[in-house]
All heavy atoms as atom14 arrays in JSON, in Angstrom:
{
  "sequence": "QLFAIENQMDNLYEVLIKSATFQNYLKQKSLMYEDKKVRELRADFIA",
  "atom14_mask": [
    [1, 1, 1, 1, 1, 1, 1, 1, 1, 0, 0, 0, 0, 0],
    [1, 1, 1, 1, 1, 1, 1, 1, 0, 0, 0, 0, 0, 0],
    [1, 1, 1, 1, 1, 1, 1, 1, 1, 1, 1, 0, 0, 0],
    [1, 1, 1, 1, 1, 0, 0, 0, 0, 0, 0, 0, 0, 0],
    [1, 1, 1, 1, 1, 1, 1, 1, 0, 0, 0, 0, 0, 0],
    [1, 1, 1, 1, 1, 1, 1, 1, 1, 0, 0, 0, 0, 0],
    [1, 1, 1, 1, 1, 1, 1, 1, 0, 0, 0, 0, 0, 0],
    [1, 1, 1, 1, 1, 1, 1, 1, 1, 0, 0, 0, 0, 0],
    [1, 1, 1, 1, 1, 1, 1, 1, 0, 0, 0, 0, 0, 0],
    [1, 1, 1, 1, 1, 1, 1, 1, 0, 0, 0, 0, 0, 0],
    [1, 1, 1, 1, 1, 1, 1, 1, 0, 0, 0, 0, 0, 0],
    [1, 1, 1, 1, 1, 1, 1, 1, 0, 0, 0, 0, 0, 0],
    [1, 1, 1, 1, 1, 1, 1, 1, 1, 1, 1, 1, 0, 0],
    [1, 1, 1, 1, 1, 1, 1, 1, 1, 0, 0, 0, 0, 0],
    [1, 1, 1, 1, 1, 1, 1, 0, 0, 0, 0, 0, 0, 0],
    [1, 1, 1, 1, 1, 1, 1, 1, 0, 0, 0, 0, 0, 0],
    [1, 1, 1, 1, 1, 1, 1, 1, 0, 0, 0, 0, 0, 0],
    [1, 1, 1, 1, 1, 1, 1, 1, 1, 0, 0, 0, 0, 0],
    [1, 1, 1, 1, 1, 1, 0, 0, 0, 0, 0, 0, 0, 0],
    [1, 1, 1, 1, 1, 0, 0, 0, 0, 0, 0, 0, 0, 0],
    [1, 1, 1, 1, 1, 1, 1, 0, 0, 0, 0, 0, 0, 0],
    [1, 1, 1, 1, 1, 1, 1, 1, 1, 1, 1, 0, 0, 0],
    [1, 1, 1, 1, 1, 1, 1, 1, 1, 0, 0, 0, 0, 0],
    [1, 1, 1, 1, 1, 1, 1, 1, 0, 0, 0, 0, 0, 0],
    [1, 1, 1, 1, 1, 1, 1, 1, 1, 1, 1, 1, 0, 0],
    [1, 1, 1, 1, 1, 1, 1, 1, 0, 0, 0, 0, 0, 0],
    [1, 1, 1, 1, 1, 1, 1, 1, 1, 0, 0, 0, 0, 0],
    [1, 1, 1, 1, 1, 1, 1, 1, 1, 0, 0, 0, 0, 0],
    [1, 1, 1, 1, 1, 1, 1, 1, 1, 0, 0, 0, 0, 0],
    [1, 1, 1, 1, 1, 1, 0, 0, 0, 0, 0, 0, 0, 0],
    [1, 1, 1, 1, 1, 1, 1, 1, 0, 0, 0, 0, 0, 0],
    [1, 1, 1, 1, 1, 1, 1, 1, 0, 0, 0, 0, 0, 0],
    [1, 1, 1, 1, 1, 1, 1, 1, 1, 1, 1, 1, 0, 0],
    [1, 1, 1, 1, 1, 1, 1, 1, 1, 0, 0, 0, 0, 0],
    [1, 1, 1, 1, 1, 1, 1, 1, 0, 0, 0, 0, 0, 0],
    [1, 1, 1, 1, 1, 1, 1, 1, 1, 0, 0, 0, 0, 0],
    [1, 1, 1, 1, 1, 1, 1, 1, 1, 0, 0, 0, 0, 0],
    [1, 1, 1, 1, 1, 1, 1, 0, 0, 0, 0, 0, 0, 0],
    [1, 1, 1, 1, 1, 1, 1, 1, 1, 1, 1, 0, 0, 0],
    [1, 1, 1, 1, 1, 1, 1, 1, 1, 0, 0, 0, 0, 0],
    [1, 1, 1, 1, 1, 1, 1, 1, 0, 0, 0, 0, 0, 0],
    [1, 1, 1, 1, 1, 1, 1, 1, 1, 1, 1, 0, 0, 0],
    [1, 1, 1, 1, 1, 0, 0, 0, 0, 0, 0, 0, 0, 0],
    [1, 1, 1, 1, 1, 1, 1, 1, 0, 0, 0, 0, 0, 0],
    [1, 1, 1, 1, 1, 1, 1, 1, 1, 1, 1, 0, 0, 0],
    [1, 1, 1, 1, 1, 1, 1, 1, 0, 0, 0, 0, 0, 0],
    [1, 1, 1, 1, 1, 0, 0, 0, 0, 0, 0, 0, 0, 0]
  ],
  "atom14_positions": [
    [[8.77, 10.79, -23.95], [7.82, 9.94, -23.25], [8.24, 9.72, -21.79], [7.41, 9.76, -20.89], [7.66, 8.6, -23.96], [6.92, 8.69, -25.27], [6.85, 7.34, -25.97], [7.75, 6.5, -25.8], [5.81, 7.14, -26.75], [0.0, 0.0, 0.0], [0.0, 0.0, 0.0], [0.0, 0.0, 0.0], [0.0, 0.0, 0.0], [0.0, 0.0, 0.0]],
    [[9.54, 9.5, -21.58], [10.02, 9.31, -20.22], [9.86, 10.59, -19.39], [9.5, 10.53, -18.22], [11.47, 8.85, -20.22], [11.7, 7.41, -20.68], [13.19, 7.09, -20.75], [11.0, 6.43, -19.76], [0.0, 0.0, 0.0], [0.0, 0.0, 0.0], [0.0, 0.0, 0.0], [0.0, 0.0, 0.0], [0.0, 0.0, 0.0], [0.0, 0.0, 0.0]],
    [[10.14, 11.72, -20.0], [9.95, 12.99, -19.29], [8.48, 13.21, -18.96], [8.14, 13.7, -17.88], [10.5, 14.17, -20.1], [12.0, 14.24, -20.1], [12.71, 14.19, -21.29], [12.7, 14.37, -18.91], [14.1, 14.26, -21.29], [14.08, 14.44, -18.9], [14.78, 14.38, -20.09], [0.0, 0.0, 0.0], [0.0, 0.0, 0.0], [0.0, 0.0, 0.0]],
    [[7.59, 12.82, -19.87], [6.16, 12.95, -19.62], [5.74, 12.05, -18.45], [4.97, 12.47, -17.57], [5.37, 12.61, -20.88], [0.0, 0.0, 0.0], [0.0, 0.0, 0.0], [0.0, 0.0, 0.0], [0.0, 0.0, 0.0], [0.0, 0.0, 0.0], [0.0, 0.0, 0.0], [0.0, 0.0, 0.0], [0.0, 0.0, 0.0], [0.0, 0.0, 0.0]],
    [[6.24, 10.82, -18.44], [5.92, 9.9, -17.34], [6.47, 10.44, -16.02], [5.79, 10.39, -15.0], [6.49, 8.49, -17.64], [5.73, 7.87, -18.8], [6.4, 7.6, -16.4], [6.34, 6.58, -19.32], [0.0, 0.0, 0.0], [0.0, 0.0, 0.0], [0.0, 0.0, 0.0], [0.0, 0.0, 0.0], [0.0, 0.0, 0.0], [0.0, 0.0, 0.0]],
    [[7.68, 10.96, -16.04], [8.26, 11.53, -14.83], [7.41, 12.69, -14.31], [7.14, 12.79, -13.11], [9.69, 12.02, -15.11], [10.38, 12.56, -13.87], [11.79, 13.02, -14.15], [12.17, 13.23, -15.32], [12.52, 13.17, -13.16], [0.0, 0.0, 0.0], [0.0, 0.0, 0.0], [0.0, 0.0, 0.0], [0.0, 0.0, 0.0], [0.0, 0.0, 0.0]],
    [[6.94, 13.54, -15.19], [6.08, 14.65, -14.78], [4.75, 14.15, -14.22], [4.25, 14.69, -13.23], [5.82, 15.59, -15.97], [7.05, 16.4, -16.32], [7.94, 16.58, -15.5], [7.1, 16.86, -17.56], [0.0, 0.0, 0.0], [0.0, 0.0, 0.0], [0.0, 0.0, 0.0], [0.0, 0.0, 0.0], [0.0, 0.0, 0.0], [0.0, 0.0, 0.0]],
    [[4.19, 13.11, -14.83], [2.94, 12.54, -14.33], [3.15, 11.95, -12.93], [2.29, 12.11, -12.06], [2.43, 11.47, -15.28], [1.9, 12.01, -16.59], [1.57, 10.9, -17.57], [1.87, 9.73, -17.33], [0.93, 11.27, -18.68], [0.0, 0.0, 0.0], [0.0, 0.0, 0.0], [0.0, 0.0, 0.0], [0.0, 0.0, 0.0], [0.0, 0.0, 0.0]],
    [[4.28, 11.29, -12.72], [4.58, 10.72, -11.41], [4.74, 11.83, -10.36], [4.25, 11.71, -9.24], [5.85, 9.86, -11.46], [5.7, 8.61, -12.3], [4.46, 7.47, -11.69], [5.2, 6.98, -10.16], [0.0, 0.0, 0.0], [0.0, 0.0, 0.0], [0.0, 0.0, 0.0], [0.0, 0.0, 0.0], [0.0, 0.0, 0.0], [0.0, 0.0, 0.0]],
    [[5.42, 12.9, -10.72], [5.58, 14.03, -9.8], [4.22, 14.63, -9.43], [3.96, 14.94, -8.26], [6.48, 15.11, -10.41], [7.94, 14.68, -10.5], [8.33, 13.73, -9.79], [8.68, 15.31, -11.28], [0.0, 0.0, 0.0], [0.0, 0.0, 0.0], [0.0, 0.0, 0.0], [0.0, 0.0, 0.0], [0.0, 0.0, 0.0], [0.0, 0.0, 0.0]],
    [[3.36, 14.77, -10.43], [2.02, 15.32, -10.19], [1.2, 14.38, -9.3], [0.51, 14.84, -8.38], [1.29, 15.57, -11.5], [1.9, 16.71, -12.3], [2.59, 17.57, -11.75], [1.67, 16.71, -13.6], [0.0, 0.0, 0.0], [0.0, 0.0, 0.0], [0.0, 0.0, 0.0], [0.0, 0.0, 0.0], [0.0, 0.0, 0.0], [0.0, 0.0, 0.0]],
    [[1.27, 13.1, -9.56], [0.54, 12.12, -8.76], [1.03, 12.16, -7.31], [0.23, 12.15, -6.37], [0.72, 10.72, -9.34], [0.08, 9.57, -8.57], [-1.44, 9.76, -8.48], [0.43, 8.24, -9.22], [0.0, 0.0, 0.0], [0.0, 0.0, 0.0], [0.0, 0.0, 0.0], [0.0, 0.0, 0.0], [0.0, 0.0, 0.0], [0.0, 0.0, 0.0]],
    [[2.32, 12.24, -7.13], [2.91, 12.32, -5.8], [2.36, 13.54, -5.05], [1.94, 13.43, -3.9], [4.44, 12.4, -5.92], [5.14, 12.67, -4.61], [5.34, 11.65, -3.7], [5.6, 13.95, -4.3], [5.98, 11.89, -2.49], [6.24, 14.2, -3.1], [6.43, 13.17, -2.2], [7.06, 13.42, -1.01], [0.0, 0.0, 0.0], [0.0, 0.0, 0.0]],
    [[2.35, 14.68, -5.7], [1.85, 15.91, -5.07], [0.38, 15.77, -4.68], [-0.03, 16.17, -3.59], [2.03, 17.11, -6.01], [3.46, 17.54, -6.17], [4.08, 18.06, -4.89], [3.36, 18.74, -4.12], [5.26, 17.76, -4.65], [0.0, 0.0, 0.0], [0.0, 0.0, 0.0], [0.0, 0.0, 0.0], [0.0, 0.0, 0.0], [0.0, 0.0, 0.0]],
    [[-0.42, 15.2, -5.57], [-1.85, 15.02, -5.29], [-2.06, 14.08, -4.1], [-2.87, 14.36, -3.21], [-2.59, 14.49, -6.55], [-4.0, 14.04, -6.21], [-2.61, 15.56, -7.63], [0.0, 0.0, 0.0], [0.0, 0.0, 0.0], [0.0, 0.0, 0.0], [0.0, 0.0, 0.0], [0.0, 0.0, 0.0], [0.0, 0.0, 0.0], [0.0, 0.0, 0.0]],
    [[-1.31, 12.99, -4.08], [-1.45, 12.03, -2.98], [-1.04, 12.64, -1.65], [-1.73, 12.47, -0.63], [-0.64, 10.77, -3.26], [-1.16, 9.88, -4.37], [-0.18, 8.75, -4.66], [-2.52, 9.33, -4.04], [0.0, 0.0, 0.0], [0.0, 0.0, 0.0], [0.0, 0.0, 0.0], [0.0, 0.0, 0.0], [0.0, 0.0, 0.0], [0.0, 0.0, 0.0]],
    [[0.09, 13.33, -1.63], [0.59, 13.92, -0.39], [-0.39, 14.96, 0.16], [-0.58, 15.06, 1.37], [1.99, 14.56, -0.62], [3.02, 13.49, -0.95], [2.44, 15.39, 0.56], [3.25, 12.49, 0.15], [0.0, 0.0, 0.0], [0.0, 0.0, 0.0], [0.0, 0.0, 0.0], [0.0, 0.0, 0.0], [0.0, 0.0, 0.0], [0.0, 0.0, 0.0]],
    [[-1.01, 15.7, -0.72], [-1.92, 16.76, -0.29], [-3.35, 16.28, -0.07], [-4.19, 17.03, 0.41], [-1.92, 17.9, -1.32], [-0.59, 18.63, -1.38], [-0.59, 19.69, -2.45], [0.77, 20.38, -2.53], [0.82, 21.35, -3.62], [0.0, 0.0, 0.0], [0.0, 0.0, 0.0], [0.0, 0.0, 0.0], [0.0, 0.0, 0.0], [0.0, 0.0, 0.0]],
    [[-3.62, 15.02, -0.36], [-4.98, 14.52, -0.25], [-5.43, 14.45, 1.21], [-4.64, 14.24, 2.12], [-5.1, 13.13, -0.9], [-4.47, 12.17, -0.08], [0.0, 0.0, 0.0], [0.0, 0.0, 0.0], [0.0, 0.0, 0.0], [0.0, 0.0, 0.0], [0.0, 0.0, 0.0], [0.0, 0.0, 0.0], [0.0, 0.0, 0.0], [0.0, 0.0, 0.0]],
    [[-6.72, 14.61, 1.41], [-7.3, 14.56, 2.75], [-7.1, 13.17, 3.37], [-6.84, 13.06, 4.57], [-8.79, 14.9, 2.69], [0.0, 0.0, 0.0], [0.0, 0.0, 0.0], [0.0, 0.0, 0.0], [0.0, 0.0, 0.0], [0.0, 0.0, 0.0], [0.0, 0.0, 0.0], [0.0, 0.0, 0.0], [0.0, 0.0, 0.0], [0.0, 0.0, 0.0]],
    [[-7.19, 12.15, 2.56], [-7.02, 10.78, 3.06], [-5.63, 10.58, 3.63], [-5.46, 10.03, 4.73], [-7.27, 9.76, 1.92], [-8.58, 9.97, 1.41], [-7.13, 8.33, 2.42], [0.0, 0.0, 0.0], [0.0, 0.0, 0.0], [0.0, 0.0, 0.0], [0.0, 0.0, 0.0], [0.0, 0.0, 0.0], [0.0, 0.0, 0.0], [0.0, 0.0, 0.0]],
    [[-4.62, 11.03, 2.89], [-3.24, 10.85, 3.36], [-2.97, 11.72, 4.59], [-2.31, 11.28, 5.53], [-2.24, 11.18, 2.24], [-0.83, 10.89, 2.63], [-0.38, 9.58, 2.73], [0.06, 11.91, 2.9], [0.93, 9.3, 3.09], [1.37, 11.64, 3.27], [1.81, 10.33, 3.36], [0.0, 0.0, 0.0], [0.0, 0.0, 0.0], [0.0, 0.0, 0.0]],
    [[-3.49, 12.93, 4.6], [-3.31, 13.8, 5.76], [-3.97, 13.2, 7.0], [-3.41, 13.26, 8.1], [-3.86, 15.2, 5.46], [-3.08, 15.96, 4.39], [-1.61, 16.12, 4.76], [-1.27, 16.48, 5.87], [-0.75, 15.84, 3.8], [0.0, 0.0, 0.0], [0.0, 0.0, 0.0], [0.0, 0.0, 0.0], [0.0, 0.0, 0.0], [0.0, 0.0, 0.0]],
    [[-5.15, 12.6, 6.81], [-5.83, 11.93, 7.91], [-5.01, 10.73, 8.4], [-4.9, 10.49, 9.59], [-7.23, 11.47, 7.47], [-8.0, 10.86, 8.61], [-8.01, 11.38, 9.72], [-8.63, 9.73, 8.34], [0.0, 0.0, 0.0], [0.0, 0.0, 0.0], [0.0, 0.0, 0.0], [0.0, 0.0, 0.0], [0.0, 0.0, 0.0], [0.0, 0.0, 0.0]],
    [[-4.43, 9.99, 7.45], [-3.59, 8.86, 7.8], [-2.41, 9.32, 8.67], [-2.11, 8.7, 9.69], [-3.07, 8.17, 6.53], [-1.88, 7.29, 6.77], [-2.03, 6.03, 7.34], [-0.59, 7.72, 6.43], [-0.93, 5.22, 7.58], [0.51, 6.92, 6.67], [0.34, 5.68, 7.23], [1.43, 4.89, 7.47], [0.0, 0.0, 0.0], [0.0, 0.0, 0.0]],
    [[-1.75, 10.4, 8.27], [-0.61, 10.9, 9.04], [-1.03, 11.32, 10.45], [-0.33, 11.04, 11.43], [0.04, 12.09, 8.33], [0.77, 11.77, 7.03], [1.3, 13.06, 6.39], [1.89, 10.78, 7.25], [0.0, 0.0, 0.0], [0.0, 0.0, 0.0], [0.0, 0.0, 0.0], [0.0, 0.0, 0.0], [0.0, 0.0, 0.0], [0.0, 0.0, 0.0]],
    [[-2.2, 11.95, 10.55], [-2.7, 12.37, 11.85], [-3.0, 11.17, 12.74], [-2.6, 11.13, 13.91], [-3.97, 13.22, 11.67], [-4.56, 13.72, 12.95], [-5.82, 14.54, 12.69], [-6.45, 14.95, 14.0], [-7.71, 15.66, 13.78], [0.0, 0.0, 0.0], [0.0, 0.0, 0.0], [0.0, 0.0, 0.0], [0.0, 0.0, 0.0], [0.0, 0.0, 0.0]],
    [[-3.68, 10.17, 12.18], [-4.02, 8.97, 12.95], [-2.78, 8.18, 13.36], [-2.71, 7.65, 14.47], [-4.97, 8.07, 12.15], [-6.33, 8.69, 11.88], [-7.06, 9.06, 13.15], [-7.04, 8.34, 14.14], [-7.7, 10.22, 13.15], [0.0, 0.0, 0.0], [0.0, 0.0, 0.0], [0.0, 0.0, 0.0], [0.0, 0.0, 0.0], [0.0, 0.0, 0.0]],
    [[-1.81, 8.14, 12.46], [-0.56, 7.45, 12.78], [0.15, 8.15, 13.94], [0.65, 7.5, 14.86], [0.35, 7.43, 11.54], [1.64, 6.69, 11.75], [2.48, 6.68, 10.47], [3.83, 6.04, 10.73], [4.68, 6.07, 9.53], [0.0, 0.0, 0.0], [0.0, 0.0, 0.0], [0.0, 0.0, 0.0], [0.0, 0.0, 0.0], [0.0, 0.0, 0.0]],
    [[0.17, 9.46, 13.91], [0.78, 10.24, 14.98], [0.07, 9.98, 16.31], [0.72, 9.76, 17.34], [0.73, 11.72, 14.63], [1.21, 12.49, 15.69], [0.0, 0.0, 0.0], [0.0, 0.0, 0.0], [0.0, 0.0, 0.0], [0.0, 0.0, 0.0], [0.0, 0.0, 0.0], [0.0, 0.0, 0.0], [0.0, 0.0, 0.0], [0.0, 0.0, 0.0]],
    [[-1.26, 9.99, 16.29], [-2.02, 9.72, 17.5], [-1.78, 8.31, 18.02], [-1.69, 8.08, 19.23], [-3.52, 9.92, 17.24], [-3.98, 11.36, 16.98], [-5.45, 11.38, 16.56], [-3.75, 12.21, 18.21], [0.0, 0.0, 0.0], [0.0, 0.0, 0.0], [0.0, 0.0, 0.0], [0.0, 0.0, 0.0], [0.0, 0.0, 0.0], [0.0, 0.0, 0.0]],
    [[-1.63, 7.37, 17.1], [-1.39, 5.98, 17.49], [-0.06, 5.87, 18.24], [0.03, 5.23, 19.28], [-1.37, 5.08, 16.25], [-1.12, 3.62, 16.58], [-0.96, 2.58, 15.12], [0.62, 3.11, 14.49], [0.0, 0.0, 0.0], [0.0, 0.0, 0.0], [0.0, 0.0, 0.0], [0.0, 0.0, 0.0], [0.0, 0.0, 0.0], [0.0, 0.0, 0.0]],
    [[0.99, 6.51, 17.72], [2.29, 6.41, 18.36], [2.36, 7.18, 19.68], [3.24, 6.93, 20.49], [3.41, 6.89, 17.42], [3.81, 5.82, 16.43], [3.41, 5.89, 15.1], [4.57, 4.73, 16.82], [3.77, 4.91, 14.2], [4.92, 3.74, 15.93], [4.52, 3.84, 14.62], [4.88, 2.85, 13.73], [0.0, 0.0, 0.0], [0.0, 0.0, 0.0]],
    [[1.42, 8.08, 19.91], [1.36, 8.79, 21.18], [0.63, 7.98, 22.26], [0.78, 8.26, 23.44], [0.66, 10.14, 20.99], [1.46, 11.12, 20.17], [0.68, 12.39, 19.85], [-0.39, 12.61, 20.44], [1.15, 13.16, 19.0], [0.0, 0.0, 0.0], [0.0, 0.0, 0.0], [0.0, 0.0, 0.0], [0.0, 0.0, 0.0], [0.0, 0.0, 0.0]],
    [[-0.13, 6.99, 21.84], [-0.9, 6.18, 22.77], [0.03, 5.32, 23.63], [0.93, 4.65, 23.14], [-1.86, 5.29, 21.97], [-2.77, 4.49, 22.88], [-3.75, 5.06, 23.39], [-2.48, 3.29, 23.09], [0.0, 0.0, 0.0], [0.0, 0.0, 0.0], [0.0, 0.0, 0.0], [0.0, 0.0, 0.0], [0.0, 0.0, 0.0], [0.0, 0.0, 0.0]],
    [[-0.21, 5.33, 24.94], [0.64, 4.61, 25.89], [0.63, 3.11, 25.61], [1.69, 2.46, 25.62], [0.17, 4.88, 27.32], [1.02, 4.23, 28.37], [0.5, 4.53, 29.77], [1.35, 3.79, 30.8], [0.87, 3.97, 32.15], [0.0, 0.0, 0.0], [0.0, 0.0, 0.0], [0.0, 0.0, 0.0], [0.0, 0.0, 0.0], [0.0, 0.0, 0.0]],
    [[-0.54, 2.53, 25.39], [-0.65, 1.1, 25.14], [0.11, 0.69, 23.88], [0.8, -0.34, 23.86], [-2.13, 0.7, 25.05], [-2.36, -0.77, 24.86], [-1.98, -1.56, 26.08], [-2.34, -3.03, 25.91], [-1.8, -3.87, 26.94], [0.0, 0.0, 0.0], [0.0, 0.0, 0.0], [0.0, 0.0, 0.0], [0.0, 0.0, 0.0], [0.0, 0.0, 0.0]],
    [[0.0, 1.49, 22.84], [0.71, 1.2, 21.58], [2.21, 1.26, 21.81], [2.95, 0.39, 21.32], [0.28, 2.18, 20.46], [1.16, 2.02, 19.23], [-1.18, 1.95, 20.1], [0.0, 0.0, 0.0], [0.0, 0.0, 0.0], [0.0, 0.0, 0.0], [0.0, 0.0, 0.0], [0.0, 0.0, 0.0], [0.0, 0.0, 0.0], [0.0, 0.0, 0.0]],
    [[2.68, 2.25, 22.55], [4.12, 2.35, 22.84], [4.61, 1.13, 23.61], [5.67, 0.59, 23.33], [4.42, 3.63, 23.61], [4.37, 4.88, 22.76], [5.04, 6.07, 23.43], [4.71, 6.25, 24.82], [3.77, 7.07, 25.3], [3.08, 7.81, 24.46], [3.56, 7.17, 26.59], [0.0, 0.0, 0.0], [0.0, 0.0, 0.0], [0.0, 0.0, 0.0]],
    [[3.8, 0.67, 24.58], [4.17, -0.52, 25.35], [4.23, -1.76, 24.47], [5.18, -2.55, 24.55], [3.18, -0.74, 26.49], [3.27, 0.28, 27.6], [2.12, 0.17, 28.6], [1.23, -0.69, 28.4], [2.13, 0.94, 29.56], [0.0, 0.0, 0.0], [0.0, 0.0, 0.0], [0.0, 0.0, 0.0], [0.0, 0.0, 0.0], [0.0, 0.0, 0.0]],
    [[3.22, -1.95, 23.64], [3.19, -3.1, 22.73], [4.36, -3.06, 21.75], [4.99, -4.09, 21.47], [1.86, -3.14, 21.97], [0.63, -3.51, 22.79], [-0.63, -3.28, 21.97], [0.72, -4.95, 23.26], [0.0, 0.0, 0.0], [0.0, 0.0, 0.0], [0.0, 0.0, 0.0], [0.0, 0.0, 0.0], [0.0, 0.0, 0.0], [0.0, 0.0, 0.0]],
    [[4.64, -1.88, 21.24], [5.75, -1.74, 20.28], [7.08, -2.04, 20.95], [7.93, -2.75, 20.38], [5.74, -0.32, 19.71], [6.68, -0.12, 18.56], [6.41, 1.23, 17.87], [7.22, 1.35, 16.7], [8.41, 1.94, 16.67], [8.91, 2.48, 17.77], [9.1, 2.0, 15.56], [0.0, 0.0, 0.0], [0.0, 0.0, 0.0], [0.0, 0.0, 0.0]],
    [[7.29, -1.54, 22.17], [8.54, -1.79, 22.89], [8.69, -3.29, 23.18], [9.79, -3.85, 23.02], [8.57, -0.99, 24.18], [0.0, 0.0, 0.0], [0.0, 0.0, 0.0], [0.0, 0.0, 0.0], [0.0, 0.0, 0.0], [0.0, 0.0, 0.0], [0.0, 0.0, 0.0], [0.0, 0.0, 0.0], [0.0, 0.0, 0.0], [0.0, 0.0, 0.0]],
    [[7.59, -3.95, 23.56], [7.61, -5.39, 23.82], [7.95, -6.15, 22.54], [8.77, -7.08, 22.55], [6.25, -5.83, 24.37], [6.22, -7.29, 24.75], [7.13, -7.72, 25.49], [5.29, -7.98, 24.3], [0.0, 0.0, 0.0], [0.0, 0.0, 0.0], [0.0, 0.0, 0.0], [0.0, 0.0, 0.0], [0.0, 0.0, 0.0], [0.0, 0.0, 0.0]],
    [[7.35, -5.76, 21.44], [7.61, -6.41, 20.16], [9.08, -6.26, 19.76], [9.73, -7.24, 19.37], [6.72, -5.82, 19.06], [7.06, -6.31, 17.69], [6.63, -7.55, 17.25], [7.82, -5.53, 16.83], [6.94, -8.01, 15.99], [8.14, -5.98, 15.56], [7.7, -7.22, 15.14], [0.0, 0.0, 0.0], [0.0, 0.0, 0.0], [0.0, 0.0, 0.0]],
    [[9.62, -5.06, 19.89], [11.01, -4.82, 19.52], [11.95, -5.63, 20.4], [12.94, -6.2, 19.91], [11.33, -3.31, 19.56], [10.58, -2.61, 18.42], [12.82, -3.05, 19.47], [10.61, -1.1, 18.48], [0.0, 0.0, 0.0], [0.0, 0.0, 0.0], [0.0, 0.0, 0.0], [0.0, 0.0, 0.0], [0.0, 0.0, 0.0], [0.0, 0.0, 0.0]],
    [[11.67, -5.7, 21.68], [12.51, -6.49, 22.59], [12.48, -7.97, 22.19], [13.54, -8.63, 22.14], [12.03, -6.32, 24.02], [0.0, 0.0, 0.0], [0.0, 0.0, 0.0], [0.0, 0.0, 0.0], [0.0, 0.0, 0.0], [0.0, 0.0, 0.0], [0.0, 0.0, 0.0], [0.0, 0.0, 0.0], [0.0, 0.0, 0.0], [0.0, 0.0, 0.0]]
  ]
}
């Protein structure tokens, strides 16, 4: 049963990582961190 659950989790992980929604999220996150205003706000927050 534990091996079956582990396999199901591995399969779920693969499906999520390859999903269009997650890929879109990664792309948008990358674009966000490239934005000058976001970088300024983040630097101010960290300081």
